[in-house]
Amino acid sequence: MKGLRGMIPLGMSSALFVFVLVAGALRMSPGLDARFFVQAAAVCAYLAWLVAESLLVSVREASLPDARGDRGSCELYALAQGAVVILALLLPGTGGGVLTGAIGLALLVVGCGFRLGAIVTLGRFYSRRVRLLEDHRVVSTGPYRVVRHPAYLGTLVGHLGFALVFAHWAPLLAWAGLFVPMVVRRILIEEPCLFELAGYDEYARGRKRLVPRVW
């Protein structure tokens, strides 16, 4: 059972990769126009994002000891993320133009870059499940200078961008009504564990959780 739980994040990422690859190819705007290239770039960027995270985190984490501190938030977070992507690719667009798509693509790339930068900065301390390692320490460099949870901020921005590229209200609603609450819930579950780290209290006093100057 422990090994199975360790494989869940990798399995979910792999399933989402296959879905995006197939559904993305079918969903793109017909004809080699600007919308087609924006949507193709978004699909390729998202696939690259999934591969990068799997190589940086999911493969390594599959071999780590079990961690139950996240109270199922890992799976719920992943399902909410998947809902945004699945709705964006399955439902027909409602008329978003090239400018909306371009803005969405820019947000996707910026969010992805910010998240991957946070993961690389945290290194082996980054985990999809709530856990502390024996030599765990506070990291305050890179994106962690800005907010306490830059990886979550990056994924929210990136998925908002992905939803905008495909221009339908349903994935935007899923982003606001499912994904954002799941990220907030995840942070509230994770932070009591982080406050056990020496120096985290001082680090937290100087930075907001997710949005600078707001929360």
Protein backbone atom coordinates (compact mmCIF):
# COMPACT_ATOMS: atom_id res chain seq x y z
CA MET A 1 0.00 0.00 0.00
CA LYS A 2 2.87 2.34 0.85
CA GLY A 3 4.45 1.78 -2.56
CA LEU A 4 1.13 2.34 -4.29
CA ARG A 5 0.61 5.71 -2.57
CA GLY A 6 4.08 6.74 -3.63
CA MET A 7 3.24 6.01 -7.27
CA ILE A 8 -0.07 7.94 -7.30
CA PRO A 9 1.39 11.37 -8.23
CA LEU A 10 3.43 9.86 -11.08
CA GLY A 11 0.45 7.85 -12.27
CA MET A 12 -1.84 10.87 -12.26
CA SER A 13 0.73 12.99 -14.11
CA SER A 14 1.17 10.26 -16.71
CA ALA A 15 -2.58 9.93 -17.24
CA LEU A 16 -2.93 13.70 -17.61
CA PHE A 17 -0.02 13.74 -20.09
CA VAL A 18 -1.74 11.17 -22.31
CA PHE A 19 -5.03 13.03 -22.11
CA VAL A 20 -3.49 16.41 -23.00
CA LEU A 21 -1.52 14.86 -25.87
CA VAL A 22 -4.60 13.24 -27.44
CA ALA A 23 -7.30 15.77 -26.55
CA GLY A 24 -5.01 18.70 -27.32
CA ALA A 25 -4.38 17.45 -30.84
CA LEU A 26 -8.12 17.08 -31.42
CA ARG A 27 -9.08 20.36 -29.76
CA MET A 28 -6.89 22.82 -31.66
CA SER A 29 -8.49 25.42 -33.88
CA PRO A 30 -8.73 24.11 -37.47
CA GLY A 31 -6.50 25.79 -40.02
CA LEU A 32 -2.98 27.12 -39.67
CA ASP A 33 -4.03 30.50 -38.27
CA ALA A 34 -2.81 32.44 -35.24
CA ARG A 35 -5.24 30.68 -32.87
CA PHE A 36 -3.94 27.29 -33.98
CA PHE A 37 -0.35 28.22 -33.21
CA VAL A 38 -1.25 29.72 -29.82
CA GLN A 39 -3.19 26.59 -28.84
CA ALA A 40 -0.46 24.29 -30.15
CA ALA A 41 2.15 26.22 -28.17
CA ALA A 42 -0.01 25.96 -25.03
CA VAL A 43 -0.42 22.20 -25.40
CA CYS A 44 3.30 21.70 -26.01
CA ALA A 45 4.20 23.93 -23.07
CA TYR A 46 1.84 22.07 -20.76
CA LEU A 47 3.19 18.67 -21.85
CA ALA A 48 6.74 19.89 -21.23
CA TRP A 49 5.64 21.13 -17.81
CA LEU A 50 4.24 17.72 -16.89
CA VAL A 51 7.41 15.95 -18.02
CA ALA A 52 9.66 18.39 -16.15
CA GLU A 53 7.74 17.99 -12.89
CA SER A 54 7.69 14.21 -13.21
CA LEU A 55 11.45 14.10 -13.69
CA LEU A 56 12.14 16.63 -10.92
CA VAL A 57 9.67 15.34 -8.33
CA SER A 58 7.36 12.41 -9.08
CA VAL A 59 10.00 9.83 -10.05
CA ARG A 60 12.15 10.68 -7.03
CA GLU A 61 9.22 10.80 -4.63
CA ALA A 62 7.97 7.35 -5.61
CA SER A 63 10.90 5.88 -3.63
CA LEU A 64 10.42 8.01 -0.49
CA PRO A 65 8.79 6.73 2.71
CA ASP A 66 5.02 7.13 2.95
CA ALA A 67 3.67 10.45 4.24
CA ARG A 68 0.11 10.87 5.47
CA GLY A 69 0.29 14.43 6.75
CA ASP A 70 -1.45 15.90 3.71
CA ARG A 71 -4.80 14.28 4.61
CA GLY A 72 -5.65 13.46 1.02
CA SER A 73 -4.93 17.00 -0.18
CA CYS A 74 -2.42 15.73 -2.75
CA GLU A 75 -5.08 13.76 -4.61
CA LEU A 76 -7.77 16.45 -4.30
CA TYR A 77 -5.33 19.10 -5.50
CA ALA A 78 -4.42 16.96 -8.51
CA LEU A 79 -8.06 16.25 -9.35
CA ALA A 80 -8.92 19.96 -9.24
CA GLN A 81 -5.94 20.71 -11.49
CA GLY A 82 -7.04 17.98 -13.88
CA ALA A 83 -10.60 19.33 -13.96
CA VAL A 84 -9.37 22.69 -15.27
CA VAL A 85 -7.29 21.08 -18.01
CA ILE A 86 -9.91 18.49 -19.01
CA LEU A 87 -12.71 21.05 -19.28
CA ALA A 88 -10.48 23.41 -21.26
CA LEU A 89 -9.71 20.74 -23.85
CA LEU A 90 -13.10 19.00 -24.03
CA LEU A 91 -15.43 21.99 -24.29
CA PRO A 92 -15.64 24.21 -27.39
CA GLY A 93 -14.36 27.74 -27.01
CA THR A 94 -16.83 30.58 -26.63
CA GLY A 95 -15.19 33.04 -28.98
CA GLY A 96 -11.99 34.12 -27.29
CA GLY A 97 -9.76 35.86 -29.79
CA VAL A 98 -6.06 35.68 -30.51
CA LEU A 99 -5.29 38.37 -27.93
CA THR A 100 -7.00 36.38 -25.15
CA GLY A 101 -5.14 33.28 -26.24
CA ALA A 102 -1.83 35.12 -26.33
CA ILE A 103 -2.39 36.50 -22.83
CA GLY A 104 -3.28 33.01 -21.66
CA LEU A 105 -0.15 31.54 -23.24
CA ALA A 106 2.00 34.19 -21.58
CA LEU A 107 0.45 33.42 -18.18
CA LEU A 108 0.98 29.70 -18.76
CA VAL A 109 4.67 30.15 -19.55
CA VAL A 110 5.27 32.60 -16.67
CA GLY A 111 3.39 30.42 -14.18
CA CYS A 112 5.18 27.27 -15.31
CA GLY A 113 8.56 28.98 -15.09
CA PHE A 114 7.84 30.40 -11.65
CA ARG A 115 6.70 27.01 -10.34
CA LEU A 116 9.61 25.06 -11.78
CA GLY A 117 11.99 27.70 -10.45
CA ALA A 118 10.50 27.21 -6.98
CA ILE A 119 10.83 23.42 -7.24
CA VAL A 120 14.46 23.63 -8.36
CA THR A 121 15.26 26.16 -5.61
CA LEU A 122 13.76 23.92 -2.92
CA GLY A 123 15.52 20.88 -4.38
CA ARG A 124 15.07 17.60 -2.56
CA PHE A 125 13.04 19.33 0.15
CA TYR A 126 10.19 19.76 -2.34
CA SER A 127 7.52 17.09 -2.05
CA ARG A 128 4.06 16.51 -3.47
CA ARG A 129 3.04 15.23 -0.03
CA VAL A 130 3.38 16.99 3.31
CA ARG A 131 6.59 15.70 4.87
CA LEU A 132 9.74 16.96 6.57
CA LEU A 133 13.14 15.38 6.09
CA GLU A 134 15.60 14.87 8.96
CA ASP A 135 17.82 17.75 7.82
CA HIS A 136 14.99 19.90 6.49
CA ARG A 137 15.70 23.64 6.57
CA VAL A 138 14.02 26.89 5.60
CA VAL A 139 14.76 28.08 2.05
CA SER A 140 14.35 31.81 1.45
CA THR A 141 16.15 32.32 -1.87
CA GLY A 142 14.84 32.62 -5.43
CA PRO A 143 11.02 32.73 -5.67
CA TYR A 144 10.82 32.09 -1.91
CA ARG A 145 11.95 35.68 -1.37
CA VAL A 146 8.59 36.81 -2.78
CA VAL A 147 5.99 34.50 -1.18
CA ARG A 148 6.06 31.47 1.08
CA HIS A 149 4.45 29.16 -1.50
CA PRO A 150 5.69 30.21 -4.95
CA ALA A 151 5.09 26.77 -6.48
CA TYR A 152 1.37 27.09 -5.74
CA LEU A 153 1.30 30.63 -7.07
CA GLY A 154 2.97 29.44 -10.26
CA THR A 155 0.53 26.60 -10.82
CA LEU A 156 -2.47 28.88 -10.26
CA VAL A 157 -1.18 31.43 -12.77
CA GLY A 158 -0.24 28.72 -15.26
CA HIS A 159 -3.60 26.97 -15.17
CA LEU A 160 -5.48 30.25 -15.42
CA GLY A 161 -3.47 30.89 -18.57
CA PHE A 162 -4.23 27.44 -19.98
CA ALA A 163 -7.97 27.99 -19.43
CA LEU A 164 -7.79 31.38 -21.18
CA VAL A 165 -6.07 29.91 -24.22
CA PHE A 166 -9.08 27.68 -24.93
CA ALA A 167 -11.66 30.37 -24.08
CA HIS A 168 -14.50 28.66 -22.24
CA TRP A 169 -16.20 29.74 -19.02
CA ALA A 170 -16.32 26.23 -17.50
CA PRO A 171 -12.54 25.73 -16.95
CA LEU A 172 -12.35 29.28 -15.59
CA LEU A 173 -15.14 28.42 -13.15
CA ALA A 174 -13.35 25.19 -12.20
CA TRP A 175 -10.16 27.19 -11.65
CA ALA A 176 -11.89 29.70 -9.35
CA GLY A 177 -14.33 27.34 -7.66
CA LEU A 178 -12.24 24.17 -7.33
CA PHE A 179 -8.54 24.72 -7.93
CA VAL A 180 -8.06 27.91 -5.92
CA PRO A 181 -9.91 26.49 -2.85
CA MET A 182 -7.89 23.26 -3.08
CA VAL A 183 -4.62 25.22 -3.17
CA VAL A 184 -5.71 27.28 -0.15
CA ARG A 185 -6.73 24.11 1.71
CA ARG A 186 -3.40 22.51 0.84
CA ILE A 187 -1.48 25.50 2.21
CA LEU A 188 -3.47 25.50 5.46
CA ILE A 189 -2.73 21.80 5.91
CA GLU A 190 0.96 22.19 5.06
CA GLU A 191 1.85 25.24 7.12
CA PRO A 192 1.49 23.73 10.63
CA CYS A 193 4.13 21.21 9.56
CA LEU A 194 6.39 23.93 8.16
CA PHE A 195 6.16 25.96 11.36
CA GLU A 196 7.94 23.07 13.09
CA LEU A 197 11.10 24.06 11.20
CA ALA A 198 13.60 26.25 13.02
CA GLY A 199 13.40 29.77 11.64
CA TYR A 200 10.18 29.33 9.67
CA ASP A 201 8.23 31.60 12.01
CA GLU A 202 10.65 34.45 11.35
CA TYR A 203 10.64 33.71 7.62
CA ALA A 204 6.82 33.71 7.52
CA ARG A 205 6.52 37.08 9.27
CA GLY A 206 8.20 38.81 6.34
CA ARG A 207 6.18 37.21 3.52
CA LYS A 208 2.60 36.47 2.58
CA ARG A 209 1.55 32.92 1.78
CA LEU A 210 0.45 33.20 -1.83
CA VAL A 211 -0.21 36.77 -3.03
CA PRO A 212 2.20 39.55 -1.98
CA ARG A 213 0.58 42.10 0.38
CA VAL A 214 -2.74 40.19 0.31
CA TRP A 215 -2.58 36.65 1.81
